[in-house]
Amino acid sequence: MRLPSRFPVLLAVGLLSFALVVLPGCATTDSDSKPLVDPGGAASDASAAVGVANGRALVDSRCSMCHNLDRVYDADKTRAEWETTVTKMKGLGLVITQEEYDAVVEYLSSR
């Protein structure tokens, strides 16, 4: 069986897409335990910039890797319950920085 002449290009695009979408959520580094910004300084304003606006994008990209998003968007939880849920997901392999964690919890609890 002869492969189409575009096969190498399609394979490269597929592998690049996989690397950009799936692999960041599979990393096993401890980067989520290191703060990205100084919690008491002017850089704290950068954390607010991530905020709710990026919360949905983070939920859509990270949570959909393991389960259907209906499960997330149908849930009606308090902020404390979302903190517990996202912390549990981190224990199950979700790789997320503290800044991203804050944005996800803020977004999910404010809907």
PDB file of N, CA and C in Angstrom:
ATOM      1  N   MET A   1       0.845  -1.177   0.000  1.00  0.00           N
ATOM      2  CA  MET A   1       0.000   0.000   0.000  1.00  0.00           C
ATOM      3  C   MET A   1       0.889   1.239   0.000  1.00  0.00           C
ATOM      4  N   ARG A   2       0.642   2.121  -0.918  1.00  0.00           N
ATOM      5  CA  ARG A   2       1.429   3.347  -1.052  1.00  0.00           C
ATOM      6  C   ARG A   2       0.744   4.471  -0.279  1.00  0.00           C
ATOM      7  N   LEU A   3       1.537   5.187   0.549  1.00  0.00           N
ATOM      8  CA  LEU A   3       1.021   6.304   1.333  1.00  0.00           C
ATOM      9  C   LEU A   3       0.946   7.558   0.467  1.00  0.00           C
ATOM     10  N   PRO A   4      -0.014   8.425   0.724  1.00  0.00           N
ATOM     11  CA  PRO A   4      -0.102   9.673  -0.046  1.00  0.00           C
ATOM     12  C   PRO A   4       1.170  10.501   0.128  1.00  0.00           C
ATOM     13  N   SER A   5       1.496  11.322  -0.872  1.00  0.00           N
ATOM     14  CA  SER A   5       2.724  12.118  -0.829  1.00  0.00           C
ATOM     15  C   SER A   5       2.690  13.154   0.290  1.00  0.00           C
ATOM     16  N   ARG A   6       1.510  13.505   0.784  1.00  0.00           N
ATOM     17  CA  ARG A   6       1.392  14.485   1.865  1.00  0.00           C
ATOM     18  C   ARG A   6       1.525  13.840   3.236  1.00  0.00           C
ATOM     19  N   PHE A   7       1.694  12.551   3.298  1.00  0.00           N
ATOM     20  CA  PHE A   7       1.735  11.850   4.586  1.00  0.00           C
ATOM     21  C   PHE A   7       2.783  12.407   5.543  1.00  0.00           C
ATOM     22  N   PRO A   8       4.028  12.655   5.114  1.00  0.00           N
ATOM     23  CA  PRO A   8       5.023  13.192   6.068  1.00  0.00           C
ATOM     24  C   PRO A   8       4.593  14.538   6.663  1.00  0.00           C
ATOM     25  N   VAL A   9       3.976  15.386   5.842  1.00  0.00           N
ATOM     26  CA  VAL A   9       3.523  16.687   6.333  1.00  0.00           C
ATOM     27  C   VAL A   9       2.391  16.497   7.336  1.00  0.00           C
ATOM     28  N   LEU A  10       1.436  15.651   7.012  1.00  0.00           N
ATOM     29  CA  LEU A  10       0.317  15.399   7.914  1.00  0.00           C
ATOM     30  C   LEU A  10       0.793  14.778   9.224  1.00  0.00           C
ATOM     31  N   LEU A  11       1.751  13.887   9.141  1.00  0.00           N
ATOM     32  CA  LEU A  11       2.308  13.266  10.336  1.00  0.00           C
ATOM     33  C   LEU A  11       2.994  14.311  11.209  1.00  0.00           C
ATOM     34  N   ALA A  12       3.777  15.189  10.595  1.00  0.00           N
ATOM     35  CA  ALA A  12       4.474  16.236  11.342  1.00  0.00           C
ATOM     36  C   ALA A  12       3.486  17.185  12.017  1.00  0.00           C
ATOM     37  N   VAL A  13       2.436  17.569  11.322  1.00  0.00           N
ATOM     38  CA  VAL A  13       1.415  18.446  11.888  1.00  0.00           C
ATOM     39  C   VAL A  13       0.710  17.752  13.051  1.00  0.00           C
ATOM     40  N   GLY A  14       0.400  16.500  12.882  1.00  0.00           N
ATOM     41  CA  GLY A  14      -0.253  15.745  13.946  1.00  0.00           C
ATOM     42  C   GLY A  14       0.615  15.619  15.178  1.00  0.00           C
ATOM     43  N   LEU A  15       1.879  15.318  14.987  1.00  0.00           N
ATOM     44  CA  LEU A  15       2.798  15.200  16.122  1.00  0.00           C
ATOM     45  C   LEU A  15       3.003  16.542  16.818  1.00  0.00           C
ATOM     46  N   LEU A  16       3.118  17.606  16.053  1.00  0.00           N
ATOM     47  CA  LEU A  16       3.273  18.936  16.642  1.00  0.00           C
ATOM     48  C   LEU A  16       2.025  19.319  17.433  1.00  0.00           C
ATOM     49  N   SER A  17       0.851  19.035  16.886  1.00  0.00           N
ATOM     50  CA  SER A  17      -0.398  19.321  17.594  1.00  0.00           C
ATOM     51  C   SER A  17      -0.467  18.544  18.896  1.00  0.00           C
ATOM     52  N   PHE A  18      -0.090  17.296  18.850  1.00  0.00           N
ATOM     53  CA  PHE A  18      -0.078  16.460  20.057  1.00  0.00           C
ATOM     54  C   PHE A  18       0.863  17.069  21.099  1.00  0.00           C
ATOM     55  N   ALA A  19       2.042  17.459  20.660  1.00  0.00           N
ATOM     56  CA  ALA A  19       3.037  18.004  21.581  1.00  0.00           C
ATOM     57  C   ALA A  19       2.562  19.302  22.216  1.00  0.00           C
ATOM     58  N   LEU A  20       1.856  20.135  21.463  1.00  0.00           N
ATOM     59  CA  LEU A  20       1.409  21.419  21.983  1.00  0.00           C
ATOM     60  C   LEU A  20       0.179  21.314  22.863  1.00  0.00           C
ATOM     61  N   VAL A  21      -0.674  20.332  22.613  1.00  0.00           N
ATOM     62  CA  VAL A  21      -1.932  20.237  23.341  1.00  0.00           C
ATOM     63  C   VAL A  21      -1.873  19.232  24.486  1.00  0.00           C
ATOM     64  N   VAL A  22      -1.376  18.063  24.256  1.00  0.00           N
ATOM     65  CA  VAL A  22      -1.436  16.993  25.243  1.00  0.00           C
ATOM     66  C   VAL A  22      -0.254  16.998  26.201  1.00  0.00           C
ATOM     67  N   LEU A  23       0.929  17.129  25.699  1.00  0.00           N
ATOM     68  CA  LEU A  23       2.110  16.987  26.538  1.00  0.00           C
ATOM     69  C   LEU A  23       2.221  17.997  27.674  1.00  0.00           C
ATOM     70  N   PRO A  24       1.816  19.266  27.517  1.00  0.00           N
ATOM     71  CA  PRO A  24       1.932  20.179  28.658  1.00  0.00           C
ATOM     72  C   PRO A  24       1.145  19.707  29.888  1.00  0.00           C
ATOM     73  N   GLY A  25       0.054  19.032  29.703  1.00  0.00           N
ATOM     74  CA  GLY A  25      -0.726  18.526  30.823  1.00  0.00           C
ATOM     75  C   GLY A  25      -0.188  17.234  31.398  1.00  0.00           C
ATOM     76  N   CYS A  26       0.786  16.630  30.737  1.00  0.00           N
ATOM     77  CA  CYS A  26       1.337  15.360  31.183  1.00  0.00           C
ATOM     78  C   CYS A  26       2.702  15.505  31.847  1.00  0.00           C
ATOM     79  N   ALA A  27       3.209  16.709  31.918  1.00  0.00           N
ATOM     80  CA  ALA A  27       4.542  16.919  32.480  1.00  0.00           C
ATOM     81  C   ALA A  27       4.589  16.455  33.929  1.00  0.00           C
ATOM     82  N   THR A  28       5.750  15.974  34.337  1.00  0.00           N
ATOM     83  CA  THR A  28       5.895  15.471  35.699  1.00  0.00           C
ATOM     84  C   THR A  28       6.853  16.318  36.517  1.00  0.00           C
ATOM     85  N   THR A  29       6.984  17.589  36.138  1.00  0.00           N
ATOM     86  CA  THR A  29       7.863  18.460  36.904  1.00  0.00           C
ATOM     87  C   THR A  29       7.142  18.975  38.135  1.00  0.00           C
ATOM     88  N   ASP A  30       7.909  19.576  39.025  1.00  0.00           N
ATOM     89  CA  ASP A  30       7.298  20.135  40.218  1.00  0.00           C
ATOM     90  C   ASP A  30       7.101  21.641  40.077  1.00  0.00           C
ATOM     91  N   SER A  31       6.944  22.110  38.840  1.00  0.00           N
ATOM     92  CA  SER A  31       6.809  23.545  38.598  1.00  0.00           C
ATOM     93  C   SER A  31       5.560  24.127  39.243  1.00  0.00           C
ATOM     94  N   ASP A  32       4.556  23.295  39.501  1.00  0.00           N
ATOM     95  CA  ASP A  32       3.343  23.821  40.106  1.00  0.00           C
ATOM     96  C   ASP A  32       3.567  24.218  41.556  1.00  0.00           C
ATOM     97  N   SER A  33       4.651  23.814  42.170  1.00  0.00           N
ATOM     98  CA  SER A  33       4.904  24.177  43.556  1.00  0.00           C
ATOM     99  C   SER A  33       5.742  25.441  43.673  1.00  0.00           C
ATOM    100  N   LYS A  34       6.217  25.967  42.556  1.00  0.00           N
ATOM    101  CA  LYS A  34       7.045  27.167  42.583  1.00  0.00           C
ATOM    102  C   LYS A  34       6.198  28.359  42.155  1.00  0.00           C
ATOM    103  N   PRO A  35       6.164  29.426  42.954  1.00  0.00           N
ATOM    104  CA  PRO A  35       5.366  30.587  42.567  1.00  0.00           C
ATOM    105  C   PRO A  35       5.947  31.261  41.334  1.00  0.00           C
ATOM    106  N   LEU A  36       5.078  31.724  40.454  1.00  0.00           N
ATOM    107  CA  LEU A  36       5.524  32.404  39.253  1.00  0.00           C
ATOM    108  C   LEU A  36       5.756  33.884  39.500  1.00  0.00           C
ATOM    109  N   VAL A  37       5.089  34.431  40.490  1.00  0.00           N
ATOM    110  CA  VAL A  37       5.217  35.852  40.786  1.00  0.00           C
ATOM    111  C   VAL A  37       5.441  36.030  42.270  1.00  0.00           C
ATOM    112  N   ASP A  38       5.991  37.162  42.635  1.00  0.00           N
ATOM    113  CA  ASP A  38       6.180  37.514  44.036  1.00  0.00           C
ATOM    114  C   ASP A  38       4.815  37.836  44.628  1.00  0.00           C
ATOM    115  N   PRO A  39       4.328  37.054  45.603  1.00  0.00           N
ATOM    116  CA  PRO A  39       2.983  37.248  46.105  1.00  0.00           C
ATOM    117  C   PRO A  39       2.773  38.578  46.801  1.00  0.00           C
ATOM    118  N   GLY A  40       3.821  39.279  47.201  1.00  0.00           N
ATOM    119  CA  GLY A  40       3.624  40.530  47.916  1.00  0.00           C
ATOM    120  C   GLY A  40       4.018  41.752  47.114  1.00  0.00           C
ATOM    121  N   GLY A  41       4.536  41.587  45.917  1.00  0.00           N
ATOM    122  CA  GLY A  41       5.061  42.720  45.167  1.00  0.00           C
ATOM    123  C   GLY A  41       4.169  43.164  44.035  1.00  0.00           C
ATOM    124  N   ALA A  42       4.736  44.034  43.211  1.00  0.00           N
ATOM    125  CA  ALA A  42       4.006  44.571  42.073  1.00  0.00           C
ATOM    126  C   ALA A  42       3.656  43.483  41.077  1.00  0.00           C
ATOM    127  N   ALA A  43       4.415  42.400  41.085  1.00  0.00           N
ATOM    128  CA  ALA A  43       4.142  41.304  40.155  1.00  0.00           C
ATOM    129  C   ALA A  43       2.813  40.632  40.468  1.00  0.00           C
ATOM    130  N   SER A  44       2.248  40.869  41.648  1.00  0.00           N
ATOM    131  CA  SER A  44       0.950  40.291  41.995  1.00  0.00           C
ATOM    132  C   SER A  44      -0.118  40.728  41.017  1.00  0.00           C
ATOM    133  N   ASP A  45       0.050  41.921  40.443  1.00  0.00           N
ATOM    134  CA  ASP A  45      -0.907  42.397  39.454  1.00  0.00           C
ATOM    135  C   ASP A  45      -0.929  41.497  38.228  1.00  0.00           C
ATOM    136  N   ALA A  46       0.193  40.839  37.940  1.00  0.00           N
ATOM    137  CA  ALA A  46       0.254  39.921  36.805  1.00  0.00           C
ATOM    138  C   ALA A  46      -0.658  38.729  37.032  1.00  0.00           C
ATOM    139  N   SER A  47      -0.787  38.282  38.281  1.00  0.00           N
ATOM    140  CA  SER A  47      -1.681  37.168  38.591  1.00  0.00           C
ATOM    141  C   SER A  47      -3.122  37.530  38.266  1.00  0.00           C
ATOM    142  N   ALA A  48      -3.494  38.755  38.578  1.00  0.00           N
ATOM    143  CA  ALA A  48      -4.857  39.197  38.310  1.00  0.00           C
ATOM    144  C   ALA A  48      -5.125  39.235  36.816  1.00  0.00           C
ATOM    145  N   ALA A  49      -4.082  39.481  36.020  1.00  0.00           N
ATOM    146  CA  ALA A  49      -4.255  39.538  34.578  1.00  0.00           C
ATOM    147  C   ALA A  49      -4.662  38.188  34.007  1.00  0.00           C
ATOM    148  N   VAL A  50      -4.181  37.117  34.599  1.00  0.00           N
ATOM    149  CA  VAL A  50      -4.568  35.784  34.127  1.00  0.00           C
ATOM    150  C   VAL A  50      -6.049  35.604  34.394  1.00  0.00           C
ATOM    151  N   GLY A  51      -6.435  35.775  35.658  1.00  0.00           N
ATOM    152  CA  GLY A  51      -7.814  35.821  36.116  1.00  0.00           C
ATOM    153  C   GLY A  51      -8.824  34.962  35.403  1.00  0.00           C
ATOM    154  N   VAL A  52     -10.040  35.450  35.473  1.00  0.00           N
ATOM    155  CA  VAL A  52     -11.187  34.726  34.942  1.00  0.00           C
ATOM    156  C   VAL A  52     -11.124  34.597  33.429  1.00  0.00           C
ATOM    157  N   ALA A  53     -10.571  35.591  32.752  1.00  0.00           N
ATOM    158  CA  ALA A  53     -10.524  35.564  31.293  1.00  0.00           C
ATOM    159  C   ALA A  53      -9.826  34.305  30.779  1.00  0.00           C
ATOM    160  N   ASN A  54      -8.739  33.926  31.411  1.00  0.00           N
ATOM    161  CA  ASN A  54      -8.022  32.726  30.983  1.00  0.00           C
ATOM    162  C   ASN A  54      -8.533  31.475  31.676  1.00  0.00           C
ATOM    163  N   GLY A  55      -9.338  31.641  32.701  1.00  0.00           N
ATOM    164  CA  GLY A  55      -9.869  30.495  33.432  1.00  0.00           C
ATOM    165  C   GLY A  55     -10.608  29.530  32.539  1.00  0.00           C
ATOM    166  N   ARG A  56     -11.471  30.046  31.684  1.00  0.00           N
ATOM    167  CA  ARG A  56     -12.233  29.160  30.797  1.00  0.00           C
ATOM    168  C   ARG A  56     -11.319  28.442  29.813  1.00  0.00           C
ATOM    169  N   ALA A  57     -10.360  29.152  29.255  1.00  0.00           N
ATOM    170  CA  ALA A  57      -9.426  28.526  28.314  1.00  0.00           C
ATOM    171  C   ALA A  57      -8.632  27.424  29.002  1.00  0.00           C
ATOM    172  N   LEU A  58      -8.222  27.671  30.234  1.00  0.00           N
ATOM    173  CA  LEU A  58      -7.492  26.650  30.981  1.00  0.00           C
ATOM    174  C   LEU A  58      -8.372  25.439  31.264  1.00  0.00           C
ATOM    175  N   VAL A  59      -9.621  25.683  31.664  1.00  0.00           N
ATOM    176  CA  VAL A  59     -10.555  24.577  31.920  1.00  0.00           C
ATOM    177  C   VAL A  59     -10.755  23.780  30.637  1.00  0.00           C
ATOM    178  N   ASP A  60     -11.005  24.497  29.542  1.00  0.00           N
ATOM    179  CA  ASP A  60     -11.252  23.815  28.268  1.00  0.00           C
ATOM    180  C   ASP A  60     -10.060  22.969  27.826  1.00  0.00           C
ATOM    181  N   SER A  61      -8.848  23.466  28.024  1.00  0.00           N
ATOM    182  CA  SER A  61      -7.682  22.728  27.544  1.00  0.00           C
ATOM    183  C   SER A  61      -7.209  21.651  28.510  1.00  0.00           C
ATOM    184  N   ARG A  62      -7.241  21.920  29.798  1.00  0.00           N
ATOM    185  CA  ARG A  62      -6.684  20.977  30.756  1.00  0.00           C
ATOM    186  C   ARG A  62      -7.686  19.916  31.200  1.00  0.00           C
ATOM    187  N   CYS A  63      -8.908  20.321  31.502  1.00  0.00           N
ATOM    188  CA  CYS A  63      -9.881  19.373  32.048  1.00  0.00           C
ATOM    189  C   CYS A  63     -10.385  18.390  30.989  1.00  0.00           C
ATOM    190  N   SER A  64     -10.420  18.854  29.734  1.00  0.00           N
ATOM    191  CA  SER A  64     -10.922  17.990  28.664  1.00  0.00           C
ATOM    192  C   SER A  64      -9.951  16.872  28.310  1.00  0.00           C
ATOM    193  N   MET A  65      -8.744  16.922  28.848  1.00  0.00           N
ATOM    194  CA  MET A  65      -7.765  15.886  28.548  1.00  0.00           C
ATOM    195  C   MET A  65      -8.155  14.550  29.176  1.00  0.00           C
ATOM    196  N   CYS A  66      -8.912  14.607  30.276  1.00  0.00           N
ATOM    197  CA  CYS A  66      -9.253  13.381  30.995  1.00  0.00           C
ATOM    198  C   CYS A  66     -10.742  13.054  31.008  1.00  0.00           C
ATOM    199  N   HIS A  67     -11.587  14.054  30.847  1.00  0.00           N
ATOM    200  CA  HIS A  67     -13.020  13.774  30.868  1.00  0.00           C
ATOM    201  C   HIS A  67     -13.798  14.823  30.096  1.00  0.00           C
ATOM    202  N   ASN A  68     -15.062  14.525  29.867  1.00  0.00           N
ATOM    203  CA  ASN A  68     -15.970  15.392  29.138  1.00  0.00           C
ATOM    204  C   ASN A  68     -16.187  16.690  29.913  1.00  0.00           C
ATOM    205  N   LEU A  69     -16.227  17.813  29.219  1.00  0.00           N
ATOM    206  CA  LEU A  69     -16.402  19.099  29.888  1.00  0.00           C
ATOM    207  C   LEU A  69     -17.811  19.299  30.439  1.00  0.00           C
ATOM    208  N   ASP A  70     -18.774  18.536  29.964  1.00  0.00           N
ATOM    209  CA  ASP A  70     -20.123  18.629  30.540  1.00  0.00           C
ATOM    210  C   ASP A  70     -20.072  18.360  32.032  1.00  0.00           C
ATOM    211  N   ARG A  71     -19.233  17.451  32.410  1.00  0.00           N
ATOM    212  CA  ARG A  71     -19.071  17.099  33.817  1.00  0.00           C
ATOM    213  C   ARG A  71     -18.625  18.313  34.628  1.00  0.00           C
ATOM    214  N   VAL A  72     -17.755  19.115  34.056  1.00  0.00           N
ATOM    215  CA  VAL A  72     -17.246  20.303  34.734  1.00  0.00           C
ATOM    216  C   VAL A  72     -18.303  21.405  34.738  1.00  0.00           C
ATOM    217  N   TYR A  73     -18.854  21.691  33.563  1.00  0.00           N
ATOM    218  CA  TYR A  73     -19.771  22.817  33.439  1.00  0.00           C
ATOM    219  C   TYR A  73     -21.148  22.557  34.042  1.00  0.00           C
ATOM    220  N   ASP A  74     -21.514  21.315  34.240  1.00  0.00           N
ATOM    221  CA  ASP A  74     -22.792  21.000  34.890  1.00  0.00           C
ATOM    222  C   ASP A  74     -22.690  21.036  36.406  1.00  0.00           C
ATOM    223  N   ALA A  75     -21.482  21.014  36.937  1.00  0.00           N
ATOM    224  CA  ALA A  75     -21.290  21.000  38.391  1.00  0.00           C
ATOM    225  C   ALA A  75     -21.576  22.384  38.977  1.00  0.00           C
ATOM    226  N   ASP A  76     -22.293  22.382  40.086  1.00  0.00           N
ATOM    227  CA  ASP A  76     -22.610  23.625  40.795  1.00  0.00           C
ATOM    228  C   ASP A  76     -21.944  23.543  42.165  1.00  0.00           C
ATOM    229  N   LYS A  77     -20.760  24.153  42.269  1.00  0.00           N
ATOM    230  CA  LYS A  77     -19.972  24.031  43.484  1.00  0.00           C
ATOM    231  C   LYS A  77     -19.597  25.409  44.018  1.00  0.00           C
ATOM    232  N   THR A  78     -19.332  25.451  45.296  1.00  0.00           N
ATOM    233  CA  THR A  78     -18.824  26.664  45.922  1.00  0.00           C
ATOM    234  C   THR A  78     -17.341  26.803  45.599  1.00  0.00           C
ATOM    235  N   ARG A  79     -16.771  27.949  45.944  1.00  0.00           N
ATOM    236  CA  ARG A  79     -15.341  28.158  45.724  1.00  0.00           C
ATOM    237  C   ARG A  79     -14.520  27.099  46.468  1.00  0.00           C
ATOM    238  N   ALA A  80     -14.881  26.828  47.715  1.00  0.00           N
ATOM    239  CA  ALA A  80     -14.150  25.825  48.502  1.00  0.00           C
ATOM    240  C   ALA A  80     -14.248  24.441  47.861  1.00  0.00           C
ATOM    241  N   GLU A  81     -15.415  24.116  47.323  1.00  0.00           N
ATOM    242  CA  GLU A  81     -15.583  22.811  46.662  1.00  0.00           C
ATOM    243  C   GLU A  81     -14.751  22.735  45.388  1.00  0.00           C
ATOM    244  N   TRP A  82     -14.666  23.854  44.631  1.00  0.00           N
ATOM    245  CA  TRP A  82     -13.830  23.850  43.426  1.00  0.00           C
ATOM    246  C   TRP A  82     -12.353  23.745  43.804  1.00  0.00           C
ATOM    247  N   GLU A  83     -11.947  24.401  44.890  1.00  0.00           N
ATOM    248  CA  GLU A  83     -10.558  24.282  45.338  1.00  0.00           C
ATOM    249  C   GLU A  83     -10.238  22.827  45.662  1.00  0.00           C
ATOM    250  N   THR A  84     -11.155  22.172  46.351  1.00  0.00           N
ATOM    251  CA  THR A  84     -10.962  20.760  46.690  1.00  0.00           C
ATOM    252  C   THR A  84     -10.886  19.911  45.432  1.00  0.00           C
ATOM    253  N   THR A  85     -11.775  20.171  44.473  1.00  0.00           N
ATOM    254  CA  THR A  85     -11.813  19.392  43.233  1.00  0.00           C
ATOM    255  C   THR A  85     -10.535  19.580  42.419  1.00  0.00           C
ATOM    256  N   VAL A  86     -10.105  20.819  42.244  1.00  0.00           N
ATOM    257  CA  VAL A  86      -8.906  21.072  41.433  1.00  0.00           C
ATOM    258  C   VAL A  86      -7.666  20.511  42.128  1.00  0.00           C
ATOM    259  N   THR A  87      -7.622  20.604  43.448  1.00  0.00           N
ATOM    260  CA  THR A  87      -6.505  20.009  44.195  1.00  0.00           C
ATOM    261  C   THR A  87      -6.505  18.493  44.007  1.00  0.00           C
ATOM    262  N   LYS A  88      -7.682  17.888  44.030  1.00  0.00           N
ATOM    263  CA  LYS A  88      -7.789  16.437  43.799  1.00  0.00           C
ATOM    264  C   LYS A  88      -7.293  16.082  42.394  1.00  0.00           C
ATOM    265  N   MET A  89      -7.657  16.898  41.397  1.00  0.00           N
ATOM    266  CA  MET A  89      -7.216  16.648  40.023  1.00  0.00           C
ATOM    267  C   MET A  89      -5.694  16.761  39.920  1.00  0.00           C
ATOM    268  N   LYS A  90      -5.101  17.683  40.672  1.00  0.00           N
ATOM    269  CA  LYS A  90      -3.630  17.780  40.691  1.00  0.00           C
ATOM    270  C   LYS A  90      -3.036  16.480  41.218  1.00  0.00           C
ATOM    271  N   GLY A  91      -3.676  15.907  42.220  1.00  0.00           N
ATOM    272  CA  GLY A  91      -3.205  14.637  42.770  1.00  0.00           C
ATOM    273  C   GLY A  91      -3.332  13.490  41.786  1.00  0.00           C
ATOM    274  N   LEU A  92      -4.231  13.652  40.818  1.00  0.00           N
ATOM    275  CA  LEU A  92      -4.437  12.616  39.803  1.00  0.00           C
ATOM    276  C   LEU A  92      -3.610  12.855  38.543  1.00  0.00           C
ATOM    277  N   GLY A  93      -2.787  13.910  38.559  1.00  0.00           N
ATOM    278  CA  GLY A  93      -1.880  14.121  37.432  1.00  0.00           C
ATOM    279  C   GLY A  93      -2.014  15.439  36.702  1.00  0.00           C
ATOM    280  N   LEU A  94      -2.978  16.270  37.059  1.00  0.00           N
ATOM    281  CA  LEU A  94      -3.105  17.572  36.419  1.00  0.00           C
ATOM    282  C   LEU A  94      -1.881  18.410  36.760  1.00  0.00           C
ATOM    283  N   VAL A  95      -1.232  18.930  35.737  1.00  0.00           N
ATOM    284  CA  VAL A  95      -0.079  19.801  35.940  1.00  0.00           C
ATOM    285  C   VAL A  95      -0.559  21.226  35.698  1.00  0.00           C
ATOM    286  N   ILE A  96      -0.477  22.035  36.749  1.00  0.00           N
ATOM    287  CA  ILE A  96      -0.997  23.388  36.680  1.00  0.00           C
ATOM    288  C   ILE A  96      -0.195  24.253  37.650  1.00  0.00           C
ATOM    289  N   THR A  97       0.151  25.458  37.230  1.00  0.00           N
ATOM    290  CA  THR A  97       0.881  26.371  38.112  1.00  0.00           C
ATOM    291  C   THR A  97      -0.090  26.952  39.138  1.00  0.00           C
ATOM    292  N   GLN A  98       0.440  27.584  40.151  1.00  0.00           N
ATOM    293  CA  GLN A  98      -0.418  28.220  41.158  1.00  0.00           C
ATOM    294  C   GLN A  98      -1.254  29.323  40.523  1.00  0.00           C
ATOM    295  N   GLU A  99      -0.671  30.060  39.612  1.00  0.00           N
ATOM    296  CA  GLU A  99      -1.390  31.128  38.912  1.00  0.00           C
ATOM    297  C   GLU A  99      -2.558  30.553  38.104  1.00  0.00           C
ATOM    298  N   GLU A 100      -2.308  29.465  37.403  1.00  0.00           N
ATOM    299  CA  GLU A 100      -3.367  28.810  36.629  1.00  0.00           C
ATOM    300  C   GLU A 100      -4.425  28.223  37.556  1.00  0.00           C
ATOM    301  N   TYR A 101      -3.993  27.618  38.655  1.00  0.00           N
ATOM    302  CA  TYR A 101      -4.922  27.065  39.651  1.00  0.00           C
ATOM    303  C   TYR A 101      -5.877  28.160  40.119  1.00  0.00           C
ATOM    304  N   ASP A 102      -5.321  29.316  40.477  1.00  0.00           N
ATOM    305  CA  ASP A 102      -6.141  30.429  40.953  1.00  0.00           C
ATOM    306  C   ASP A 102      -7.137  30.879  39.895  1.00  0.00           C
ATOM    307  N   ALA A 103      -6.681  30.951  38.637  1.00  0.00           N
ATOM    308  CA  ALA A 103      -7.562  31.381  37.545  1.00  0.00           C
ATOM    309  C   ALA A 103      -8.690  30.378  37.315  1.00  0.00           C
ATOM    310  N   VAL A 104      -8.375  29.097  37.355  1.00  0.00           N
ATOM    311  CA  VAL A 104      -9.388  28.053  37.151  1.00  0.00           C
ATOM    312  C   VAL A 104     -10.421  28.081  38.271  1.00  0.00           C
ATOM    313  N   VAL A 105      -9.967  28.142  39.500  1.00  0.00           N
ATOM    314  CA  VAL A 105     -10.892  28.162  40.641  1.00  0.00           C
ATOM    315  C   VAL A 105     -11.752  29.423  40.593  1.00  0.00           C
ATOM    316  N   GLU A 106     -11.136  30.556  40.273  1.00  0.00           N
ATOM    317  CA  GLU A 106     -11.888  31.818  40.190  1.00  0.00           C
ATOM    318  C   GLU A 106     -12.963  31.717  39.103  1.00  0.00           C
ATOM    319  N   TYR A 107     -12.580  31.232  37.939  1.00  0.00           N
ATOM    320  CA  TYR A 107     -13.533  31.096  36.845  1.00  0.00           C
ATOM    321  C   TYR A 107     -14.678  30.149  37.205  1.00  0.00           C
ATOM    322  N   LEU A 108     -14.349  28.962  37.678  1.00  0.00           N
ATOM    323  CA  LEU A 108     -15.377  27.962  37.963  1.00  0.00           C
ATOM    324  C   LEU A 108     -16.312  28.404  39.090  1.00  0.00           C
ATOM    325  N   SER A 109     -15.794  29.098  40.070  1.00  0.00           N
ATOM    326  CA  SER A 109     -16.641  29.504  41.191  1.00  0.00           C
ATOM    327  C   SER A 109     -17.439  30.772  40.901  1.00  0.00           C
ATOM    328  N   SER A 110     -17.099  31.471  39.833  1.00  0.00           N
ATOM    329  CA  SER A 110     -17.825  32.706  39.521  1.00  0.00           C
ATOM    330  C   SER A 110     -18.858  32.556  38.412  1.00  0.00           C
ATOM    331  N   ARG A 111     -19.023  31.341  37.890  1.00  0.00           N
ATOM    332  CA  ARG A 111     -20.004  31.164  36.810  1.00  0.00           C
ATOM    333  C   ARG A 111     -21.407  31.137  37.347  1.00  0.00           C
TER     334      ARG A 111
END
